[in-house]
Protein backbone atom coordinates (compact mmCIF):
# COMPACT_ATOMS: atom_id res chain seq x y z
CA UNK A 1 0.00 0.00 0.00
CA UNK A 2 1.17 3.51 -0.78
CA UNK A 3 1.35 5.70 2.33
CA UNK A 4 -0.53 3.49 4.80
CA UNK A 5 -0.16 6.12 7.54
CA UNK A 6 -2.12 8.68 5.50
CA UNK A 7 -4.72 6.08 4.50
CA UNK A 8 -5.38 5.08 8.12
CA UNK A 9 -5.31 8.67 9.37
CA UNK A 10 -7.84 9.70 6.70
CA UNK A 11 -10.15 6.78 7.42
CA UNK A 12 -9.90 7.57 11.15
CA UNK A 13 -10.90 11.20 10.56
CA UNK A 14 -13.87 10.13 8.45
CA UNK A 15 -14.99 7.51 11.00
CA UNK A 16 -14.85 10.14 13.77
CA UNK A 17 -16.76 12.61 11.58
CA UNK A 18 -19.36 9.96 10.81
CA UNK A 19 -19.99 9.09 14.46
CA UNK A 20 -19.80 12.76 15.54
CA UNK A 21 -22.36 13.55 12.83
CA UNK A 22 -20.33 16.38 11.32
CA UNK A 23 -20.56 14.95 7.81
CA UNK A 24 -23.10 16.48 5.49
CA UNK A 25 -23.42 17.25 1.83
CA UNK A 26 -22.21 20.82 1.97
CA UNK A 27 -18.92 22.52 1.25
CA UNK A 28 -18.03 22.84 4.94
CA UNK A 29 -19.27 19.48 6.20
CA UNK A 30 -18.39 17.23 3.29
CA UNK A 31 -15.66 14.60 3.46
CA UNK A 32 -13.01 17.04 2.21
CA UNK A 33 -14.16 19.76 4.60
CA UNK A 34 -13.91 17.37 7.55
CA UNK A 35 -10.44 16.23 6.45
CA UNK A 36 -9.21 19.81 6.18
CA UNK A 37 -10.67 20.81 9.54
CA UNK A 38 -9.17 17.80 11.29
CA UNK A 39 -5.75 18.35 9.73
CA UNK A 40 -5.71 22.10 10.39
CA UNK A 41 -7.21 21.90 13.89
CA UNK A 42 -10.26 23.97 12.89
CA UNK A 43 -13.71 23.53 14.42
CA UNK A 44 -16.04 22.53 11.57
CA UNK A 45 -18.58 25.14 12.78
CA UNK A 46 -15.99 27.92 12.29
CA UNK A 47 -14.62 26.70 8.96
CA UNK A 48 -14.32 29.11 6.04
CA UNK A 49 -13.49 26.96 3.02
CA UNK A 50 -11.23 28.19 0.25
CA UNK A 51 -10.44 24.80 -1.30
CA UNK A 52 -13.72 24.84 -3.21
CA UNK A 53 -12.31 27.51 -5.53
CA UNK A 54 -9.98 24.79 -6.87
CA UNK A 55 -12.55 21.99 -7.29
CA UNK A 56 -16.15 21.27 -6.46
CA UNK A 57 -18.56 18.46 -7.29
CA UNK A 58 -22.29 18.97 -7.49
CA UNK A 59 -25.04 16.66 -8.61
CA UNK A 60 -26.51 19.38 -10.79
CA UNK A 61 -23.38 20.57 -12.59
CA UNK A 62 -20.97 17.66 -12.30
CA UNK A 63 -17.38 18.54 -11.45
CA UNK A 64 -15.44 21.75 -11.85
CA UNK A 65 -11.66 21.92 -11.51
CA UNK A 66 -9.59 25.14 -11.54
CA UNK A 67 -5.97 24.24 -10.82
CA UNK A 68 -4.95 27.86 -11.50
CA UNK A 69 -6.70 28.76 -8.20
CA UNK A 70 -4.51 26.33 -6.23
CA UNK A 71 -2.76 29.05 -4.23
CA UNK A 72 -3.01 30.98 -0.98
CA UNK A 73 -5.47 29.69 1.62
CA UNK A 74 -6.94 27.15 -0.81
CA UNK A 75 -3.48 25.61 -1.24
CA UNK A 76 -2.89 25.57 2.54
CA UNK A 77 -6.21 23.84 3.13
CA UNK A 78 -5.66 21.22 0.41
CA UNK A 79 -2.02 20.60 1.34
CA UNK A 80 -2.94 20.07 5.01
CA UNK A 81 -4.61 16.79 4.05
CA UNK A 82 -1.54 15.19 2.49
CA UNK A 83 -3.39 14.69 -0.80
CA UNK A 84 -2.93 16.40 -4.14
CA UNK A 85 -5.80 18.51 -5.48
CA UNK A 86 -6.56 15.73 -7.98
CA UNK A 87 -6.71 13.07 -5.26
CA UNK A 88 -8.96 15.24 -3.07
CA UNK A 89 -11.20 15.85 -6.08
CA UNK A 90 -11.59 12.05 -6.38
CA UNK A 91 -12.53 11.87 -2.70
CA UNK A 92 -14.99 14.73 -3.12
CA UNK A 93 -16.57 13.15 -6.19
CA UNK A 94 -16.95 9.80 -4.40
CA UNK A 95 -18.64 11.47 -1.42
CA UNK A 96 -20.94 13.66 -3.47
CA UNK A 97 -21.87 10.94 -5.99
CA UNK A 98 -24.58 9.56 -3.72
CA UNK A 99 -25.90 12.92 -2.59
CA UNK A 100 -29.41 12.36 -3.92
CA UNK A 101 -29.80 9.07 -2.02
CA UNK A 102 -29.23 10.68 1.39
CA UNK A 103 -27.29 7.59 2.47
CA UNK A 104 -24.17 8.83 4.25
CA UNK A 105 -22.93 5.29 4.89
CA UNK A 106 -22.96 4.41 1.17
CA UNK A 107 -21.26 7.69 0.34
CA UNK A 108 -18.50 6.89 2.83
CA UNK A 109 -18.07 3.42 1.36
CA UNK A 110 -17.52 5.14 -2.00
CA UNK A 111 -14.92 7.36 -0.34
CA UNK A 112 -13.11 4.33 1.09
CA UNK A 113 -13.11 2.84 -2.42
CA UNK A 114 -11.55 6.06 -3.74
CA UNK A 115 -8.97 6.05 -0.93
CA UNK A 116 -8.20 2.41 -1.65
CA UNK A 117 -7.57 3.30 -5.29
CA UNK A 118 -5.38 6.30 -4.39
CA UNK A 119 -3.35 4.27 -1.88
CA UNK A 120 -3.40 1.00 -3.83
CA UNK A 121 -4.91 -0.79 -0.83
CA UNK A 122 -5.68 -4.49 -0.97
CA UNK A 123 -9.26 -5.74 -0.77
CA UNK A 124 -8.59 -6.88 2.80
CA UNK A 125 -7.31 -3.43 3.81
CA UNK A 126 -10.33 -1.76 2.21
CA UNK A 127 -12.72 -4.18 3.92
CA UNK A 128 -11.11 -3.55 7.30
CA UNK A 129 -11.42 0.21 6.79
CA UNK A 130 -15.10 -0.12 5.85
CA UNK A 131 -15.80 -2.21 8.94
CA UNK A 132 -14.74 0.72 11.15
CA UNK A 133 -17.88 2.59 10.06
CA UNK A 134 -20.10 -0.17 11.42
CA UNK A 135 -18.70 -0.15 14.94
CA UNK A 136 -20.85 1.43 17.61
CA UNK A 137 -19.53 4.62 19.09
C-alpha atoms as a PDB file:
ATOM      1  CA  UNK A   1       0.000   0.000   0.000  1.00  0.00           C
ATOM      2  CA  UNK A   2       1.166   3.507  -0.778  1.00  0.00           C
ATOM      3  CA  UNK A   3       1.351   5.700   2.332  1.00  0.00           C
ATOM      4  CA  UNK A   4      -0.529   3.485   4.804  1.00  0.00           C
ATOM      5  CA  UNK A   5      -0.158   6.120   7.541  1.00  0.00           C
ATOM      6  CA  UNK A   6      -2.120   8.675   5.503  1.00  0.00           C
ATOM      7  CA  UNK A   7      -4.721   6.080   4.502  1.00  0.00           C
ATOM      8  CA  UNK A   8      -5.379   5.077   8.115  1.00  0.00           C
ATOM      9  CA  UNK A   9      -5.315   8.668   9.368  1.00  0.00           C
ATOM     10  CA  UNK A  10      -7.835   9.705   6.702  1.00  0.00           C
ATOM     11  CA  UNK A  11     -10.148   6.783   7.423  1.00  0.00           C
ATOM     12  CA  UNK A  12      -9.900   7.569  11.147  1.00  0.00           C
ATOM     13  CA  UNK A  13     -10.899  11.201  10.556  1.00  0.00           C
ATOM     14  CA  UNK A  14     -13.871  10.131   8.454  1.00  0.00           C
ATOM     15  CA  UNK A  15     -14.986   7.515  10.997  1.00  0.00           C
ATOM     16  CA  UNK A  16     -14.849  10.137  13.766  1.00  0.00           C
ATOM     17  CA  UNK A  17     -16.757  12.609  11.582  1.00  0.00           C
ATOM     18  CA  UNK A  18     -19.363   9.963  10.812  1.00  0.00           C
ATOM     19  CA  UNK A  19     -19.988   9.089  14.458  1.00  0.00           C
ATOM     20  CA  UNK A  20     -19.802  12.755  15.545  1.00  0.00           C
ATOM     21  CA  UNK A  21     -22.360  13.547  12.825  1.00  0.00           C
ATOM     22  CA  UNK A  22     -20.330  16.382  11.324  1.00  0.00           C
ATOM     23  CA  UNK A  23     -20.565  14.953   7.813  1.00  0.00           C
ATOM     24  CA  UNK A  24     -23.095  16.476   5.486  1.00  0.00           C
ATOM     25  CA  UNK A  25     -23.424  17.248   1.826  1.00  0.00           C
ATOM     26  CA  UNK A  26     -22.212  20.819   1.969  1.00  0.00           C
ATOM     27  CA  UNK A  27     -18.921  22.520   1.249  1.00  0.00           C
ATOM     28  CA  UNK A  28     -18.027  22.842   4.939  1.00  0.00           C
ATOM     29  CA  UNK A  29     -19.273  19.485   6.202  1.00  0.00           C
ATOM     30  CA  UNK A  30     -18.386  17.226   3.291  1.00  0.00           C
ATOM     31  CA  UNK A  31     -15.662  14.601   3.461  1.00  0.00           C
ATOM     32  CA  UNK A  32     -13.008  17.042   2.210  1.00  0.00           C
ATOM     33  CA  UNK A  33     -14.162  19.764   4.602  1.00  0.00           C
ATOM     34  CA  UNK A  34     -13.913  17.370   7.550  1.00  0.00           C
ATOM     35  CA  UNK A  35     -10.445  16.231   6.448  1.00  0.00           C
ATOM     36  CA  UNK A  36      -9.211  19.810   6.177  1.00  0.00           C
ATOM     37  CA  UNK A  37     -10.674  20.814   9.544  1.00  0.00           C
ATOM     38  CA  UNK A  38      -9.167  17.797  11.294  1.00  0.00           C
ATOM     39  CA  UNK A  39      -5.750  18.347   9.735  1.00  0.00           C
ATOM     40  CA  UNK A  40      -5.707  22.105  10.394  1.00  0.00           C
ATOM     41  CA  UNK A  41      -7.210  21.899  13.886  1.00  0.00           C
ATOM     42  CA  UNK A  42     -10.262  23.974  12.894  1.00  0.00           C
ATOM     43  CA  UNK A  43     -13.709  23.532  14.418  1.00  0.00           C
ATOM     44  CA  UNK A  44     -16.044  22.530  11.568  1.00  0.00           C
ATOM     45  CA  UNK A  45     -18.579  25.142  12.777  1.00  0.00           C
ATOM     46  CA  UNK A  46     -15.994  27.925  12.287  1.00  0.00           C
ATOM     47  CA  UNK A  47     -14.617  26.701   8.956  1.00  0.00           C
ATOM     48  CA  UNK A  48     -14.316  29.114   6.039  1.00  0.00           C
ATOM     49  CA  UNK A  49     -13.488  26.955   3.016  1.00  0.00           C
ATOM     50  CA  UNK A  50     -11.233  28.186   0.246  1.00  0.00           C
ATOM     51  CA  UNK A  51     -10.444  24.800  -1.301  1.00  0.00           C
ATOM     52  CA  UNK A  52     -13.724  24.838  -3.214  1.00  0.00           C
ATOM     53  CA  UNK A  53     -12.309  27.512  -5.527  1.00  0.00           C
ATOM     54  CA  UNK A  54      -9.985  24.786  -6.874  1.00  0.00           C
ATOM     55  CA  UNK A  55     -12.545  21.986  -7.291  1.00  0.00           C
ATOM     56  CA  UNK A  56     -16.154  21.270  -6.463  1.00  0.00           C
ATOM     57  CA  UNK A  57     -18.555  18.455  -7.294  1.00  0.00           C
ATOM     58  CA  UNK A  58     -22.291  18.968  -7.488  1.00  0.00           C
ATOM     59  CA  UNK A  59     -25.042  16.657  -8.612  1.00  0.00           C
ATOM     60  CA  UNK A  60     -26.512  19.381 -10.790  1.00  0.00           C
ATOM     61  CA  UNK A  61     -23.382  20.573 -12.589  1.00  0.00           C
ATOM     62  CA  UNK A  62     -20.970  17.659 -12.304  1.00  0.00           C
ATOM     63  CA  UNK A  63     -17.380  18.543 -11.450  1.00  0.00           C
ATOM     64  CA  UNK A  64     -15.438  21.750 -11.851  1.00  0.00           C
ATOM     65  CA  UNK A  65     -11.657  21.916 -11.505  1.00  0.00           C
ATOM     66  CA  UNK A  66      -9.594  25.137 -11.538  1.00  0.00           C
ATOM     67  CA  UNK A  67      -5.966  24.243 -10.817  1.00  0.00           C
ATOM     68  CA  UNK A  68      -4.954  27.857 -11.502  1.00  0.00           C
ATOM     69  CA  UNK A  69      -6.698  28.764  -8.202  1.00  0.00           C
ATOM     70  CA  UNK A  70      -4.507  26.333  -6.227  1.00  0.00           C
ATOM     71  CA  UNK A  71      -2.756  29.052  -4.227  1.00  0.00           C
ATOM     72  CA  UNK A  72      -3.009  30.981  -0.982  1.00  0.00           C
ATOM     73  CA  UNK A  73      -5.466  29.694   1.621  1.00  0.00           C
ATOM     74  CA  UNK A  74      -6.943  27.147  -0.811  1.00  0.00           C
ATOM     75  CA  UNK A  75      -3.477  25.605  -1.241  1.00  0.00           C
ATOM     76  CA  UNK A  76      -2.891  25.567   2.541  1.00  0.00           C
ATOM     77  CA  UNK A  77      -6.206  23.836   3.133  1.00  0.00           C
ATOM     78  CA  UNK A  78      -5.662  21.222   0.414  1.00  0.00           C
ATOM     79  CA  UNK A  79      -2.020  20.599   1.338  1.00  0.00           C
ATOM     80  CA  UNK A  80      -2.943  20.070   5.008  1.00  0.00           C
ATOM     81  CA  UNK A  81      -4.610  16.785   4.053  1.00  0.00           C
ATOM     82  CA  UNK A  82      -1.540  15.185   2.487  1.00  0.00           C
ATOM     83  CA  UNK A  83      -3.390  14.690  -0.805  1.00  0.00           C
ATOM     84  CA  UNK A  84      -2.932  16.397  -4.142  1.00  0.00           C
ATOM     85  CA  UNK A  85      -5.799  18.508  -5.481  1.00  0.00           C
ATOM     86  CA  UNK A  86      -6.558  15.731  -7.978  1.00  0.00           C
ATOM     87  CA  UNK A  87      -6.713  13.074  -5.258  1.00  0.00           C
ATOM     88  CA  UNK A  88      -8.957  15.244  -3.068  1.00  0.00           C
ATOM     89  CA  UNK A  89     -11.196  15.852  -6.076  1.00  0.00           C
ATOM     90  CA  UNK A  90     -11.585  12.052  -6.381  1.00  0.00           C
ATOM     91  CA  UNK A  91     -12.530  11.870  -2.698  1.00  0.00           C
ATOM     92  CA  UNK A  92     -14.988  14.728  -3.117  1.00  0.00           C
ATOM     93  CA  UNK A  93     -16.569  13.147  -6.186  1.00  0.00           C
ATOM     94  CA  UNK A  94     -16.948   9.802  -4.397  1.00  0.00           C
ATOM     95  CA  UNK A  95     -18.636  11.468  -1.423  1.00  0.00           C
ATOM     96  CA  UNK A  96     -20.944  13.660  -3.466  1.00  0.00           C
ATOM     97  CA  UNK A  97     -21.874  10.944  -5.990  1.00  0.00           C
ATOM     98  CA  UNK A  98     -24.581   9.555  -3.721  1.00  0.00           C
ATOM     99  CA  UNK A  99     -25.900  12.918  -2.591  1.00  0.00           C
ATOM    100  CA  UNK A 100     -29.412  12.356  -3.922  1.00  0.00           C
ATOM    101  CA  UNK A 101     -29.802   9.068  -2.018  1.00  0.00           C
ATOM    102  CA  UNK A 102     -29.233  10.680   1.394  1.00  0.00           C
ATOM    103  CA  UNK A 103     -27.291   7.594   2.470  1.00  0.00           C
ATOM    104  CA  UNK A 104     -24.169   8.833   4.253  1.00  0.00           C
ATOM    105  CA  UNK A 105     -22.935   5.288   4.888  1.00  0.00           C
ATOM    106  CA  UNK A 106     -22.961   4.410   1.170  1.00  0.00           C
ATOM    107  CA  UNK A 107     -21.256   7.685   0.343  1.00  0.00           C
ATOM    108  CA  UNK A 108     -18.500   6.890   2.828  1.00  0.00           C
ATOM    109  CA  UNK A 109     -18.067   3.418   1.363  1.00  0.00           C
ATOM    110  CA  UNK A 110     -17.519   5.138  -1.998  1.00  0.00           C
ATOM    111  CA  UNK A 111     -14.923   7.364  -0.336  1.00  0.00           C
ATOM    112  CA  UNK A 112     -13.109   4.328   1.092  1.00  0.00           C
ATOM    113  CA  UNK A 113     -13.113   2.843  -2.421  1.00  0.00           C
ATOM    114  CA  UNK A 114     -11.546   6.056  -3.744  1.00  0.00           C
ATOM    115  CA  UNK A 115      -8.974   6.055  -0.930  1.00  0.00           C
ATOM    116  CA  UNK A 116      -8.201   2.413  -1.649  1.00  0.00           C
ATOM    117  CA  UNK A 117      -7.568   3.299  -5.287  1.00  0.00           C
ATOM    118  CA  UNK A 118      -5.384   6.301  -4.391  1.00  0.00           C
ATOM    119  CA  UNK A 119      -3.353   4.267  -1.875  1.00  0.00           C
ATOM    120  CA  UNK A 120      -3.404   0.999  -3.829  1.00  0.00           C
ATOM    121  CA  UNK A 121      -4.907  -0.787  -0.826  1.00  0.00           C
ATOM    122  CA  UNK A 122      -5.683  -4.487  -0.965  1.00  0.00           C
ATOM    123  CA  UNK A 123      -9.259  -5.738  -0.771  1.00  0.00           C
ATOM    124  CA  UNK A 124      -8.593  -6.879   2.801  1.00  0.00           C
ATOM    125  CA  UNK A 125      -7.311  -3.432   3.814  1.00  0.00           C
ATOM    126  CA  UNK A 126     -10.332  -1.757   2.210  1.00  0.00           C
ATOM    127  CA  UNK A 127     -12.716  -4.184   3.917  1.00  0.00           C
ATOM    128  CA  UNK A 128     -11.106  -3.548   7.303  1.00  0.00           C
ATOM    129  CA  UNK A 129     -11.424   0.212   6.788  1.00  0.00           C
ATOM    130  CA  UNK A 130     -15.097  -0.124   5.848  1.00  0.00           C
ATOM    131  CA  UNK A 131     -15.797  -2.214   8.939  1.00  0.00           C
ATOM    132  CA  UNK A 132     -14.739   0.724  11.148  1.00  0.00           C
ATOM    133  CA  UNK A 133     -17.884   2.593  10.055  1.00  0.00           C
ATOM    134  CA  UNK A 134     -20.103  -0.175  11.421  1.00  0.00           C
ATOM    135  CA  UNK A 135     -18.699  -0.155  14.943  1.00  0.00           C
ATOM    136  CA  UNK A 136     -20.849   1.426  17.609  1.00  0.00           C
ATOM    137  CA  UNK A 137     -19.531   4.618  19.089  1.00  0.00           C
END
